[in-house]
N, C-alpha and C. Protein backbone atom coordinates (compact mmCIF):
# COMPACT_ATOMS: atom_id res chain seq x y z
N MET A 1 -9.67 -11.23 6.95
CA MET A 1 -10.09 -10.13 7.79
C MET A 1 -9.01 -8.88 6.90
N PRO A 2 -9.60 -8.03 7.06
CA PRO A 2 -8.20 -7.01 6.22
C PRO A 2 -7.58 -6.55 6.73
N VAL A 3 -6.32 -6.36 5.93
CA VAL A 3 -5.24 -5.96 6.77
C VAL A 3 -4.76 -4.31 5.79
N PHE A 4 -4.81 -3.68 6.94
CA PHE A 4 -4.37 -2.23 6.84
C PHE A 4 -2.83 -1.77 6.90
N THR A 5 -2.14 -0.75 5.91
CA THR A 5 -1.20 -0.11 6.39
C THR A 5 -1.65 1.30 7.15
N VAL A 6 -0.35 1.63 7.82
CA VAL A 6 -0.60 2.73 8.78
C VAL A 6 0.55 3.83 8.45
N HIS A 7 0.17 4.85 8.04
CA HIS A 7 0.76 5.93 7.36
C HIS A 7 1.14 6.96 8.25
N GLU A 8 2.05 7.65 8.66
CA GLU A 8 2.08 8.95 9.75
C GLU A 8 2.60 10.04 8.81
N PRO A 9 2.25 11.15 8.97
CA PRO A 9 2.47 12.07 8.28
C PRO A 9 3.59 12.71 8.72
N PRO A 10 4.50 13.42 7.91
CA PRO A 10 5.66 14.37 8.10
C PRO A 10 5.31 15.45 9.51
N LEU A 11 6.34 15.04 10.52
CA LEU A 11 6.03 16.05 12.09
C LEU A 11 6.18 17.49 11.16
N ARG A 12 5.00 18.44 12.09
CA ARG A 12 4.85 19.53 12.15
C ARG A 12 6.13 20.21 12.70
N ALA A 13 6.40 21.55 12.39
CA ALA A 13 7.55 22.20 12.96
C ALA A 13 7.55 22.34 14.26
N THR A 14 6.31 22.62 14.77
CA THR A 14 6.29 22.63 16.50
C THR A 14 6.00 21.37 17.23
N ALA A 15 6.32 20.38 16.54
CA ALA A 15 5.91 18.94 17.11
C ALA A 15 7.12 17.97 17.33
N ASN A 16 6.72 17.18 18.55
CA ASN A 16 8.25 16.37 18.48
C ASN A 16 7.75 15.19 18.48
N LEU A 17 6.78 15.03 18.66
CA LEU A 17 5.74 13.78 18.24
C LEU A 17 4.60 13.64 17.34
N PRO A 18 4.53 12.42 16.58
CA PRO A 18 3.35 12.62 15.60
C PRO A 18 1.97 12.59 16.24
N ASP A 19 1.36 13.44 15.40
CA ASP A 19 -0.07 13.49 15.55
C ASP A 19 -0.89 12.27 15.40
N PRO A 20 -1.40 11.26 16.28
CA PRO A 20 -2.29 10.18 16.15
C PRO A 20 -3.51 10.61 15.39
N GLU A 21 -4.01 11.64 15.53
CA GLU A 21 -5.43 12.28 14.77
C GLU A 21 -5.00 11.97 13.44
N ARG A 22 -4.03 12.35 12.78
CA ARG A 22 -3.67 12.13 11.17
C ARG A 22 -2.98 11.25 11.13
N PHE A 23 -3.11 9.90 11.46
CA PHE A 23 -2.37 8.97 10.63
C PHE A 23 -3.59 8.22 9.84
N VAL A 24 -3.11 7.75 8.80
CA VAL A 24 -3.89 7.34 7.74
C VAL A 24 -3.88 5.56 7.83
N PHE A 25 -5.15 5.09 7.73
CA PHE A 25 -5.34 3.91 7.60
C PHE A 25 -5.60 3.50 5.89
N VAL A 26 -4.77 2.49 5.37
CA VAL A 26 -5.06 2.47 4.14
C VAL A 26 -5.41 0.48 3.62
N ARG A 27 -6.35 0.38 3.70
CA ARG A 27 -6.96 -1.07 3.47
C ARG A 27 -6.40 -1.87 1.89
N ASP A 28 -5.74 -2.87 2.40
CA ASP A 28 -5.40 -3.58 1.22
C ASP A 28 -6.82 -4.28 0.57
N GLY A 29 -6.89 -4.58 -0.88
CA GLY A 29 -8.01 -5.22 -1.58
C GLY A 29 -8.29 -4.23 -2.52
N VAL A 30 -9.57 -4.65 -3.03
CA VAL A 30 -10.17 -4.22 -4.32
C VAL A 30 -11.39 -2.99 -3.83
N TYR A 31 -10.90 -1.76 -4.35
CA TYR A 31 -11.72 -0.88 -3.99
C TYR A 31 -12.80 -0.49 -5.04
N VAL A 32 -14.26 -0.72 -4.80
CA VAL A 32 -15.29 -0.64 -5.35
C VAL A 32 -15.49 0.51 -6.29
N TRP A 33 -15.43 1.45 -5.06
CA TRP A 33 -15.84 2.81 -5.88
C TRP A 33 -14.71 3.21 -6.77
N ALA A 34 -13.30 3.01 -6.73
CA ALA A 34 -12.53 3.30 -7.32
C ALA A 34 -12.65 2.60 -8.73
N PHE A 35 -13.24 1.46 -8.92
CA PHE A 35 -14.02 0.78 -10.15
C PHE A 35 -14.78 1.79 -10.87
N LEU A 36 -15.64 2.10 -10.21
CA LEU A 36 -17.13 2.51 -10.52
C LEU A 36 -16.91 3.89 -11.07
N LEU A 37 -16.14 4.54 -10.15
CA LEU A 37 -15.70 5.87 -10.55
C LEU A 37 -14.52 6.61 -10.52
N THR A 38 -13.87 6.08 -11.33
CA THR A 38 -12.36 5.64 -11.40
C THR A 38 -11.81 7.61 -11.26
N PRO A 39 -12.10 8.56 -12.16
CA PRO A 39 -11.54 9.57 -11.73
C PRO A 39 -12.15 10.53 -10.84
N LEU A 40 -13.20 10.47 -10.18
CA LEU A 40 -13.57 10.99 -9.17
C LEU A 40 -12.80 10.35 -7.95
N TRP A 41 -12.88 9.32 -7.88
CA TRP A 41 -12.49 8.18 -6.57
C TRP A 41 -10.80 9.05 -6.65
N MET A 42 -10.26 9.14 -7.26
CA MET A 42 -8.76 9.74 -7.77
C MET A 42 -8.68 11.16 -7.04
N LEU A 43 -9.76 11.94 -7.50
CA LEU A 43 -9.89 13.16 -7.36
C LEU A 43 -10.05 13.40 -5.49
N TRP A 44 -10.98 12.77 -5.28
CA TRP A 44 -11.68 12.59 -3.91
C TRP A 44 -10.42 12.25 -2.95
N ARG A 45 -9.76 11.04 -3.28
CA ARG A 45 -8.28 10.82 -2.39
C ARG A 45 -7.10 11.89 -2.89
N GLY A 46 -7.26 12.69 -3.57
CA GLY A 46 -6.11 13.52 -3.76
C GLY A 46 -5.21 13.13 -4.73
N LEU A 47 -5.35 12.20 -5.26
CA LEU A 47 -3.97 11.42 -6.14
C LEU A 47 -3.88 12.41 -7.62
N TRP A 48 -4.01 13.44 -7.29
CA TRP A 48 -3.64 14.42 -8.58
C TRP A 48 -2.75 13.76 -9.40
N LEU A 49 -1.33 13.58 -9.15
CA LEU A 49 -0.20 12.95 -10.39
C LEU A 49 -0.97 11.74 -10.91
N VAL A 50 -1.53 10.81 -10.14
CA VAL A 50 -2.00 9.63 -10.58
C VAL A 50 -3.16 9.75 -11.47
N PHE A 51 -4.37 11.23 -11.09
CA PHE A 51 -5.28 11.07 -11.65
C PHE A 51 -4.79 11.80 -13.31
N ILE A 52 -3.65 12.68 -13.46
CA ILE A 52 -3.26 13.19 -14.61
C ILE A 52 -2.74 12.00 -15.49
N LEU A 53 -1.78 11.09 -14.81
CA LEU A 53 -1.25 10.11 -15.65
C LEU A 53 -2.75 9.29 -16.08
N TYR A 54 -3.44 8.82 -15.16
CA TYR A 54 -4.58 8.32 -16.19
C TYR A 54 -5.12 8.81 -16.98
N ALA A 55 -5.66 10.02 -16.91
CA ALA A 55 -6.33 10.91 -18.04
C ALA A 55 -5.64 10.72 -19.33
N VAL A 56 -4.24 11.01 -19.19
CA VAL A 56 -3.19 11.10 -20.23
C VAL A 56 -3.53 9.68 -21.10
N VAL A 57 -3.11 8.53 -20.18
CA VAL A 57 -3.21 7.29 -20.79
C VAL A 57 -4.44 6.99 -21.39
N ALA A 58 -5.61 7.12 -20.54
CA ALA A 58 -7.03 6.52 -21.14
C ALA A 58 -6.99 7.33 -22.43
N ILE A 59 -6.97 8.76 -22.39
CA ILE A 59 -6.83 9.25 -23.66
C ILE A 59 -6.16 9.02 -25.03
N ALA A 60 -4.94 8.29 -24.65
CA ALA A 60 -3.92 8.04 -25.59
C ALA A 60 -4.76 6.93 -26.13
N ILE A 61 -4.95 5.79 -25.21
CA ILE A 61 -5.35 4.63 -25.72
C ILE A 61 -6.58 4.88 -26.50
N GLU A 62 -7.63 5.82 -26.12
CA GLU A 62 -8.63 5.46 -26.41
C GLU A 62 -8.73 6.19 -28.06
N SER A 63 -7.89 7.38 -28.06
CA SER A 63 -7.62 7.92 -28.89
C SER A 63 -6.53 6.89 -30.37
N ALA A 64 -5.51 6.16 -30.24
CA ALA A 64 -5.32 5.49 -30.67
C ALA A 64 -6.32 4.32 -31.23
N MET A 65 -6.69 3.36 -29.94
CA MET A 65 -7.78 2.68 -30.87
C MET A 65 -8.86 3.33 -31.72
N HIS A 66 -9.18 4.52 -31.59
CA HIS A 66 -10.03 5.16 -32.42
C HIS A 66 -9.46 5.19 -34.09
N PHE A 67 -8.50 5.54 -34.09
CA PHE A 67 -7.87 5.85 -35.34
C PHE A 67 -7.33 4.63 -35.98
N ALA A 68 -7.22 3.20 -35.07
CA ALA A 68 -6.65 2.30 -35.50
C ALA A 68 -8.10 1.09 -36.12
N GLY A 69 -9.07 1.89 -36.17
CA GLY A 69 -10.14 1.12 -36.35
C GLY A 69 -11.16 0.65 -35.62
N PHE A 70 -11.17 0.37 -34.31
CA PHE A 70 -11.79 -0.43 -33.44
C PHE A 70 -12.62 0.18 -33.35
N GLY A 71 -14.05 -0.96 -32.99
CA GLY A 71 -15.35 -0.32 -32.50
C GLY A 71 -15.51 0.24 -31.47
N THR A 72 -16.36 1.03 -31.05
CA THR A 72 -16.88 1.54 -29.56
C THR A 72 -16.86 0.48 -28.49
N GLY A 73 -17.37 -0.97 -29.36
CA GLY A 73 -17.37 -1.76 -28.05
C GLY A 73 -15.81 -2.23 -27.20
N SER A 74 -15.16 -2.22 -28.41
CA SER A 74 -13.70 -2.51 -27.73
C SER A 74 -13.18 -1.28 -27.19
N ILE A 75 -13.39 -0.12 -27.51
CA ILE A 75 -12.55 0.75 -26.35
C ILE A 75 -13.25 0.84 -25.28
N VAL A 76 -14.51 1.01 -24.86
CA VAL A 76 -15.44 0.49 -23.59
C VAL A 76 -14.75 -0.49 -23.17
N LEU A 77 -14.49 -1.36 -23.52
CA LEU A 77 -13.83 -3.02 -22.90
C LEU A 77 -12.63 -2.38 -22.28
N VAL A 78 -11.87 -2.03 -23.01
CA VAL A 78 -10.44 -1.60 -22.63
C VAL A 78 -10.57 -0.58 -21.24
N GLN A 79 -11.42 0.49 -21.53
CA GLN A 79 -11.42 1.41 -20.35
C GLN A 79 -11.79 0.90 -19.09
N LEU A 80 -12.97 -0.05 -19.51
CA LEU A 80 -13.27 -1.11 -18.34
C LEU A 80 -12.11 -1.59 -17.68
N LEU A 81 -11.37 -2.37 -18.31
CA LEU A 81 -10.17 -3.17 -18.04
C LEU A 81 -9.19 -2.00 -17.19
N ILE A 82 -9.23 -0.95 -17.61
CA ILE A 82 -8.10 0.44 -16.88
C ILE A 82 -8.84 0.32 -15.64
N SER A 83 -9.95 0.77 -15.18
CA SER A 83 -10.80 0.64 -14.41
C SER A 83 -10.41 -0.31 -13.53
N VAL A 84 -10.50 -1.68 -13.70
CA VAL A 84 -10.48 -2.70 -12.91
C VAL A 84 -9.18 -2.74 -12.28
N LEU A 85 -7.88 -2.64 -13.06
CA LEU A 85 -6.87 -2.26 -12.84
C LEU A 85 -6.39 -1.25 -11.71
N VAL A 86 -6.86 0.12 -11.95
CA VAL A 86 -7.08 1.08 -10.97
C VAL A 86 -7.68 0.42 -9.47
N ALA A 87 -8.72 -0.16 -9.51
CA ALA A 87 -9.40 -0.79 -8.81
C ALA A 87 -8.72 -1.80 -7.60
N VAL A 88 -7.75 -2.78 -8.56
CA VAL A 88 -7.31 -3.50 -7.67
C VAL A 88 -5.89 -3.04 -7.11
N GLU A 89 -4.96 -2.02 -7.99
CA GLU A 89 -4.16 -1.43 -7.40
C GLU A 89 -4.46 0.10 -6.64
N ALA A 90 -5.42 -0.14 -6.23
CA ALA A 90 -5.86 1.57 -5.87
C ALA A 90 -5.11 1.69 -4.28
N ALA A 91 -5.20 0.74 -3.70
CA ALA A 91 -4.19 0.81 -2.04
C ALA A 91 -2.71 1.03 -2.39
N SER A 92 -2.18 0.42 -3.31
CA SER A 92 -0.85 0.81 -3.90
C SER A 92 -0.79 2.33 -4.41
N LEU A 93 -1.63 2.78 -4.99
CA LEU A 93 -1.79 4.20 -5.68
C LEU A 93 -1.64 5.15 -4.54
N ARG A 94 -2.67 4.77 -3.42
CA ARG A 94 -2.66 5.45 -2.00
C ARG A 94 -1.69 5.61 -1.19
N ARG A 95 -0.93 4.50 -1.36
CA ARG A 95 0.55 4.23 -0.71
C ARG A 95 1.46 5.29 -1.57
N PHE A 96 1.46 5.21 -2.73
CA PHE A 96 2.97 6.25 -3.34
C PHE A 96 2.23 7.54 -3.47
N SER A 97 1.20 7.72 -3.37
CA SER A 97 0.93 8.78 -2.89
C SER A 97 0.95 9.61 -1.99
N LEU A 98 1.05 9.03 -0.93
CA LEU A 98 1.23 9.27 0.57
C LEU A 98 2.89 9.22 0.61
N ALA A 99 3.34 8.42 0.05
CA ALA A 99 5.06 8.62 0.41
C ALA A 99 5.61 9.55 -0.47
N SER A 100 4.91 9.86 -1.70
CA SER A 100 5.74 10.90 -2.11
C SER A 100 5.43 12.44 -1.43
N ARG A 101 4.41 12.43 -1.04
CA ARG A 101 4.38 13.62 -0.05
C ARG A 101 4.80 13.84 1.23
N GLY A 102 5.84 12.59 1.45
CA GLY A 102 6.81 12.49 2.85
C GLY A 102 6.25 11.85 4.28
N TRP A 103 4.80 10.97 3.76
CA TRP A 103 4.54 10.18 4.86
C TRP A 103 5.19 9.07 5.01
N ARG A 104 5.13 8.23 6.38
CA ARG A 104 6.32 7.17 6.68
C ARG A 104 5.34 5.85 6.77
N ASN A 105 5.46 4.97 6.14
CA ASN A 105 4.20 3.47 6.69
C ASN A 105 5.05 3.11 7.80
N ILE A 106 4.51 3.03 9.13
CA ILE A 106 4.89 2.72 10.14
C ILE A 106 4.42 1.39 10.67
N GLY A 107 3.86 0.93 9.89
CA GLY A 107 2.95 -0.39 10.52
C GLY A 107 1.89 -1.22 9.63
N ILE A 108 1.40 -2.15 10.19
CA ILE A 108 0.63 -3.32 9.30
C ILE A 108 -0.21 -3.67 10.55
N VAL A 109 -1.72 -3.73 10.37
CA VAL A 109 -2.48 -4.06 11.16
C VAL A 109 -3.40 -4.91 10.49
N SER A 110 -4.14 -5.47 11.13
CA SER A 110 -5.37 -6.50 10.77
C SER A 110 -6.67 -6.38 11.82
N GLY A 111 -7.72 -6.34 11.15
CA GLY A 111 -8.81 -5.96 12.07
C GLY A 111 -10.16 -6.31 11.40
N ASP A 112 -11.13 -6.66 11.77
CA ASP A 112 -12.22 -6.87 11.38
C ASP A 112 -12.94 -6.11 10.46
N ASP A 113 -12.84 -4.46 10.85
CA ASP A 113 -12.84 -3.50 10.28
C ASP A 113 -11.99 -2.10 10.49
N LEU A 114 -12.02 -1.09 10.14
CA LEU A 114 -11.07 0.05 10.22
C LEU A 114 -11.33 0.24 11.72
N GLU A 115 -11.90 0.25 12.20
CA GLU A 115 -12.35 0.49 13.98
C GLU A 115 -11.69 -0.57 14.60
N ASP A 116 -11.79 -1.74 14.51
CA ASP A 116 -11.22 -2.56 15.00
C ASP A 116 -9.56 -2.60 14.67
N ALA A 117 -8.92 -2.29 13.23
CA ALA A 117 -7.31 -1.99 13.16
C ALA A 117 -6.87 -1.19 13.85
N GLU A 118 -7.74 -0.01 13.94
CA GLU A 118 -7.42 1.33 14.20
C GLU A 118 -7.41 1.05 16.07
N ARG A 119 -8.16 0.37 16.41
CA ARG A 119 -7.94 0.08 17.90
C ARG A 119 -6.71 -0.83 18.33
N ARG A 120 -6.23 -2.13 17.45
CA ARG A 120 -5.27 -2.55 17.85
C ARG A 120 -3.95 -2.20 17.42
N PHE A 121 -3.98 -1.24 16.31
CA PHE A 121 -2.85 -0.53 16.07
C PHE A 121 -2.42 0.66 17.40
N TYR A 122 -3.41 1.10 17.80
CA TYR A 122 -3.27 2.25 18.86
C TYR A 122 -2.87 1.76 20.21
N ASP A 123 -3.38 0.38 20.46
CA ASP A 123 -3.02 -0.39 21.66
C ASP A 123 -1.58 -0.57 22.03
N ALA A 124 -0.85 -1.02 21.12
CA ALA A 124 0.37 -1.22 20.75
C ALA A 124 1.38 0.22 20.57
N TRP A 125 0.66 1.24 19.95
CA TRP A 125 1.36 2.41 20.07
C TRP A 125 1.54 3.38 21.04
N VAL A 126 0.31 3.22 21.63
CA VAL A 126 0.19 3.90 23.01
C VAL A 126 1.27 3.29 24.13
N GLN A 127 1.54 2.10 24.08
CA GLN A 127 2.17 1.09 25.17
C GLN A 127 3.84 1.57 24.53
N ALA A 128 4.05 2.34 23.72
CA ALA A 128 5.60 2.30 22.99
C ALA A 128 5.93 4.10 23.20
N VAL A 129 4.60 4.74 23.15
CA VAL A 129 4.98 6.13 23.61
C VAL A 129 5.45 6.51 24.70
N PRO A 130 5.18 6.03 25.92
CA PRO A 130 5.72 6.69 27.07
C PRO A 130 7.54 6.32 27.10
N SER A 131 7.86 5.15 26.24
CA SER A 131 9.15 4.83 26.83
C SER A 131 9.76 6.02 25.97
N GLY A 132 9.14 6.84 25.40
CA GLY A 132 9.98 8.04 24.39
C GLY A 132 10.34 7.47 22.82
N ARG A 133 9.55 6.47 22.56
CA ARG A 133 9.53 6.42 21.02
C ARG A 133 7.93 6.36 20.41
N ALA A 134 8.14 6.48 18.97
CA ALA A 134 6.63 6.85 18.57
C ALA A 134 6.37 5.68 17.74
N GLU A 135 6.88 4.68 17.97
CA GLU A 135 6.36 3.59 16.94
C GLU A 135 6.26 2.35 18.09
N PRO A 136 5.84 1.25 17.49
CA PRO A 136 5.71 -0.11 18.45
C PRO A 136 6.90 -0.77 18.56
N PRO A 137 7.62 -1.31 19.44
CA PRO A 137 9.14 -1.84 19.76
C PRO A 137 9.44 -2.72 18.76
N ILE A 138 10.82 -3.15 18.61
CA ILE A 138 10.84 -3.87 17.52
C ILE A 138 11.79 -4.58 17.95
N PRO A 139 12.02 -5.99 17.93
CA PRO A 139 12.73 -6.95 18.84
C PRO A 139 14.37 -6.14 18.26
N SER A 140 15.42 -6.14 19.34
CA SER A 140 16.95 -5.48 18.67
C SER A 140 17.41 -6.65 18.34
N ASP A 141 17.18 -8.18 18.58
CA ASP A 141 17.94 -9.30 18.27
C ASP A 141 16.87 -10.53 17.36
N PRO A 142 17.06 -10.10 16.28
CA PRO A 142 16.02 -11.26 15.75
C PRO A 142 16.78 -12.63 15.72
N PRO A 143 15.93 -13.85 15.85
CA PRO A 143 16.50 -14.94 16.41
C PRO A 143 17.41 -15.34 14.92
N ARG A 144 18.46 -16.05 14.92
CA ARG A 144 19.38 -16.44 13.47
C ARG A 144 19.33 -17.89 13.26
N ALA A 145 19.22 -18.41 12.47
CA ALA A 145 19.47 -19.94 12.40
C ALA A 145 20.55 -19.94 12.37
N THR A 146 20.84 -21.30 12.65
CA THR A 146 22.53 -21.55 12.48
C THR A 146 22.80 -22.51 11.49
N PRO A 147 23.54 -22.02 10.20
CA PRO A 147 23.93 -22.74 9.25
C PRO A 147 24.25 -24.06 9.39
N SER A 148 24.10 -25.01 8.43
CA SER A 148 24.88 -26.38 8.41
C SER A 148 25.93 -26.27 7.36
N PRO A 149 27.34 -26.36 8.21
CA PRO A 149 28.26 -26.61 7.12
C PRO A 149 28.04 -27.47 5.55
N ASP A 150 27.26 -28.36 5.64
CA ASP A 150 26.90 -29.59 4.93
C ASP A 150 25.41 -28.84 3.90
N ILE A 151 24.69 -28.12 4.18
CA ILE A 151 24.05 -27.90 3.36
C ILE A 151 23.99 -26.15 2.92
N ILE A 152 23.34 -26.20 2.37
CA ILE A 152 23.13 -24.82 1.36
C ILE A 152 21.75 -24.96 0.92
N GLY A 153 20.83 -24.13 1.33
CA GLY A 153 19.46 -24.21 1.33
C GLY A 153 18.77 -25.60 1.39
N LEU A 154 18.24 -25.85 0.34
CA LEU A 154 17.57 -26.90 0.39
C LEU A 154 18.60 -28.40 0.03
N PHE A 155 19.65 -27.84 -0.56
CA PHE A 155 20.54 -28.87 -1.28
C PHE A 155 22.02 -28.94 -0.81
N PRO A 156 22.31 -30.13 -0.60
CA PRO A 156 23.87 -30.48 0.14
C PRO A 156 24.54 -30.10 -0.90
N GLU A 157 25.86 -29.70 0.14
CA GLU A 157 27.41 -29.39 -0.69
C GLU A 157 27.73 -30.54 -1.66
N PRO A 158 28.18 -29.99 -2.70
CA PRO A 158 28.83 -30.99 -3.63
C PRO A 158 30.07 -31.75 -2.75
N GLY A 159 29.94 -32.88 -2.92
CA GLY A 159 30.92 -33.79 -1.89
C GLY A 159 30.42 -33.64 -0.39
N GLY A 160 29.92 -33.46 -0.28
CA GLY A 160 29.39 -33.03 1.12
C GLY A 160 29.17 -34.26 2.08
N GLY A 161 28.35 -35.13 1.45
CA GLY A 161 27.74 -36.37 1.79
C GLY A 161 26.48 -36.15 2.37
N THR A 162 25.95 -37.42 2.77
CA THR A 162 24.63 -37.27 3.24
C THR A 162 24.87 -37.76 4.67
N ARG A 163 23.75 -37.57 5.48
CA ARG A 163 23.65 -38.05 7.26
C ARG A 163 22.56 -39.19 7.08
């Protein structure tokens, strides 16, 4: 079941609650289009800084390999590996880009598809909004483990004896 992170845009000057229509759901996993059309995928998603960094690194690596005497096959293989890396880290790149523009990560939700994940998230979110809060409630006092005086982690204290 896919897992999505939910991102809230910065509040507009005239708003006191976030606009749920502007929330962005970012799916974890490998993005096939980010592998097949790496630069176009970055531009389509608005990852301008990431695109510039990708272009500089790709051109630098290709030039260095060309001047070092590597063949065309090796250069293409390295470019494919860079595209694989981008496809695997595409969700992290989107999250980084959103965070740099002031968006907040407000939750994680899973669902069979994007529509199911949205429905699950908004069901919990709508229940929290009437109480004046803009995000799902978080337990105020999480349960705490009571530490044993004789044990630290999985290891007993030196000279503590065994029971």
